[in-house]
Amino acid sequence: MADNKDEQYQTEAQGCLAGAKPHFCSCRDVACLLNPNNPKNRAKGRGCDGCIRKCLAQGEIPSCFFNEVGTTQEGWDDYTYAGFCRHCEIHGVE
């Protein structure tokens, strides 16, 4: 049974595919070839799958998780699991 969040996600996803609004992805690297908000990806209806696959293969966590916790520091480049733990500590997440 779907809840309101599932329905909201489906509505957002359909709007993104239709080009009605940007994808909900919070990654600021729009030039990235895997970013759903990169115009080339939006035109093809691509979502986050490529980014997630890359991150899993490299032992990293997507930047959207970091953005959900808080703003990353200038020059932050450690998107590993350990880096995410440090990022959470910096922002008071236990």
C-alpha atoms as a PDB file:
ATOM      1  CA  MET A   1       0.000   0.000   0.000  1.00  0.00           C
ATOM      2  CA  ALA A   2       1.448   3.390  -1.000  1.00  0.00           C
ATOM      3  CA  ASP A   3       1.554   6.226   1.468  1.00  0.00           C
ATOM      4  CA  ASN A   4       1.495   9.954   0.697  1.00  0.00           C
ATOM      5  CA  LYS A   5       5.293  10.080   0.345  1.00  0.00           C
ATOM      6  CA  ASP A   6       5.180   7.350  -2.306  1.00  0.00           C
ATOM      7  CA  GLU A   7       2.475   9.233  -4.185  1.00  0.00           C
ATOM      8  CA  GLN A   8       4.393  12.508  -3.852  1.00  0.00           C
ATOM      9  CA  TYR A   9       7.553  10.839  -5.183  1.00  0.00           C
ATOM     10  CA  GLN A  10       5.663   9.390  -8.144  1.00  0.00           C
ATOM     11  CA  THR A  11       4.160  12.804  -8.932  1.00  0.00           C
ATOM     12  CA  GLU A  12       7.593  14.467  -8.725  1.00  0.00           C
ATOM     13  CA  ALA A  13       9.184  11.776 -10.872  1.00  0.00           C
ATOM     14  CA  GLN A  14       6.499  12.099 -13.540  1.00  0.00           C
ATOM     15  CA  GLY A  15       6.901  15.894 -13.540  1.00  0.00           C
ATOM     16  CA  CYS A  16      10.657  15.521 -13.956  1.00  0.00           C
ATOM     17  CA  LEU A  17      10.260  13.103 -16.849  1.00  0.00           C
ATOM     18  CA  ALA A  18       7.842  15.494 -18.503  1.00  0.00           C
ATOM     19  CA  GLY A  19      10.377  18.317 -18.091  1.00  0.00           C
ATOM     20  CA  ALA A  20       7.885  20.297 -16.028  1.00  0.00           C
ATOM     21  CA  LYS A  21      10.398  20.999 -13.260  1.00  0.00           C
ATOM     22  CA  PRO A  22      13.916  20.065 -12.196  1.00  0.00           C
ATOM     23  CA  HIS A  23      14.588  16.646 -10.743  1.00  0.00           C
ATOM     24  CA  PHE A  24      14.528  16.660  -6.930  1.00  0.00           C
ATOM     25  CA  CYS A  25      18.253  15.796  -6.836  1.00  0.00           C
ATOM     26  CA  SER A  26      20.095  18.281  -4.616  1.00  0.00           C
ATOM     27  CA  CYS A  27      23.550  17.706  -6.139  1.00  0.00           C
ATOM     28  CA  ARG A  28      25.050  21.036  -7.168  1.00  0.00           C
ATOM     29  CA  ASP A  29      27.372  19.522  -9.808  1.00  0.00           C
ATOM     30  CA  VAL A  30      24.979  19.950 -12.731  1.00  0.00           C
ATOM     31  CA  ALA A  31      27.845  19.440 -15.197  1.00  0.00           C
ATOM     32  CA  CYS A  32      28.225  15.843 -13.953  1.00  0.00           C
ATOM     33  CA  LEU A  33      27.151  13.410 -16.636  1.00  0.00           C
ATOM     34  CA  LEU A  34      25.255  11.384 -14.010  1.00  0.00           C
ATOM     35  CA  ASN A  35      23.326  14.298 -12.466  1.00  0.00           C
ATOM     36  CA  PRO A  36      19.598  14.037 -13.275  1.00  0.00           C
ATOM     37  CA  ASN A  37      19.484  17.843 -13.616  1.00  0.00           C
ATOM     38  CA  ASN A  38      22.159  17.838 -16.310  1.00  0.00           C
ATOM     39  CA  PRO A  39      20.200  18.924 -19.423  1.00  0.00           C
ATOM     40  CA  LYS A  40      21.454  15.895 -21.398  1.00  0.00           C
ATOM     41  CA  ASN A  41      20.118  13.525 -18.730  1.00  0.00           C
ATOM     42  CA  ARG A  42      16.827  15.370 -18.324  1.00  0.00           C
ATOM     43  CA  ALA A  43      16.226  15.177 -22.068  1.00  0.00           C
ATOM     44  CA  LYS A  44      16.607  11.395 -21.854  1.00  0.00           C
ATOM     45  CA  GLY A  45      14.519  11.082 -18.666  1.00  0.00           C
ATOM     46  CA  ARG A  46      17.433   9.708 -16.639  1.00  0.00           C
ATOM     47  CA  GLY A  47      17.218   9.677 -12.873  1.00  0.00           C
ATOM     48  CA  CYS A  48      19.711   8.926 -10.119  1.00  0.00           C
ATOM     49  CA  ASP A  49      20.533   5.323 -11.086  1.00  0.00           C
ATOM     50  CA  GLY A  50      23.865   6.109 -12.762  1.00  0.00           C
ATOM     51  CA  CYS A  51      25.056   8.208  -9.835  1.00  0.00           C
ATOM     52  CA  ILE A  52      24.102   5.574  -7.299  1.00  0.00           C
ATOM     53  CA  ARG A  53      25.788   2.802  -9.305  1.00  0.00           C
ATOM     54  CA  LYS A  54      29.001   4.858  -9.540  1.00  0.00           C
ATOM     55  CA  CYS A  55      28.973   5.663  -5.827  1.00  0.00           C
ATOM     56  CA  LEU A  56      28.381   2.042  -4.815  1.00  0.00           C
ATOM     57  CA  ALA A  57      31.211   0.875  -7.085  1.00  0.00           C
ATOM     58  CA  GLN A  58      33.582   3.457  -5.566  1.00  0.00           C
ATOM     59  CA  GLY A  59      32.532   2.947  -1.925  1.00  0.00           C
ATOM     60  CA  GLU A  60      30.994   6.415  -1.755  1.00  0.00           C
ATOM     61  CA  ILE A  61      27.704   7.978  -0.740  1.00  0.00           C
ATOM     62  CA  PRO A  62      25.896  10.317  -3.173  1.00  0.00           C
ATOM     63  CA  SER A  63      26.224  14.017  -2.407  1.00  0.00           C
ATOM     64  CA  CYS A  64      22.443  14.340  -1.956  1.00  0.00           C
ATOM     65  CA  PHE A  65      22.809  12.460   1.356  1.00  0.00           C
ATOM     66  CA  PHE A  66      25.467  14.949   2.460  1.00  0.00           C
ATOM     67  CA  ASN A  67      23.231  17.847   1.378  1.00  0.00           C
ATOM     68  CA  GLU A  68      20.326  16.436   3.410  1.00  0.00           C
ATOM     69  CA  VAL A  69      22.471  16.521   6.563  1.00  0.00           C
ATOM     70  CA  GLY A  70      23.933  19.981   5.977  1.00  0.00           C
ATOM     71  CA  THR A  71      26.102  22.140   3.768  1.00  0.00           C
ATOM     72  CA  THR A  72      29.483  20.655   2.938  1.00  0.00           C
ATOM     73  CA  GLN A  73      32.584  22.659   3.719  1.00  0.00           C
ATOM     74  CA  GLU A  74      34.412  24.480   0.951  1.00  0.00           C
ATOM     75  CA  GLY A  75      36.650  22.016  -0.861  1.00  0.00           C
ATOM     76  CA  TRP A  76      35.033  18.909   0.654  1.00  0.00           C
ATOM     77  CA  ASP A  77      36.097  15.912  -1.407  1.00  0.00           C
ATOM     78  CA  ASP A  78      35.617  12.878   0.858  1.00  0.00           C
ATOM     79  CA  TYR A  79      32.361  11.182  -0.113  1.00  0.00           C
ATOM     80  CA  THR A  80      33.337   7.827   1.415  1.00  0.00           C
ATOM     81  CA  TYR A  81      31.335   6.218   4.215  1.00  0.00           C
ATOM     82  CA  ALA A  82      33.914   7.515   6.717  1.00  0.00           C
ATOM     83  CA  GLY A  83      33.634  10.974   5.167  1.00  0.00           C
ATOM     84  CA  PHE A  84      29.873  10.850   5.587  1.00  0.00           C
ATOM     85  CA  CYS A  85      30.303   9.913   9.257  1.00  0.00           C
ATOM     86  CA  ARG A  86      32.603  12.921   9.754  1.00  0.00           C
ATOM     87  CA  HIS A  87      30.136  15.151   7.929  1.00  0.00           C
ATOM     88  CA  CYS A  88      27.350  13.937  10.245  1.00  0.00           C
ATOM     89  CA  GLU A  89      29.524  14.621  13.318  1.00  0.00           C
ATOM     90  CA  ILE A  90      30.260  18.166  12.069  1.00  0.00           C
ATOM     91  CA  HIS A  91      26.515  18.787  11.790  1.00  0.00           C
ATOM     92  CA  GLY A  92      25.602  17.170  15.105  1.00  0.00           C
ATOM     93  CA  VAL A  93      23.926  14.074  13.699  1.00  0.00           C
ATOM     94  CA  GLU A  94      24.406  10.995  15.830  1.00  0.00           C
END
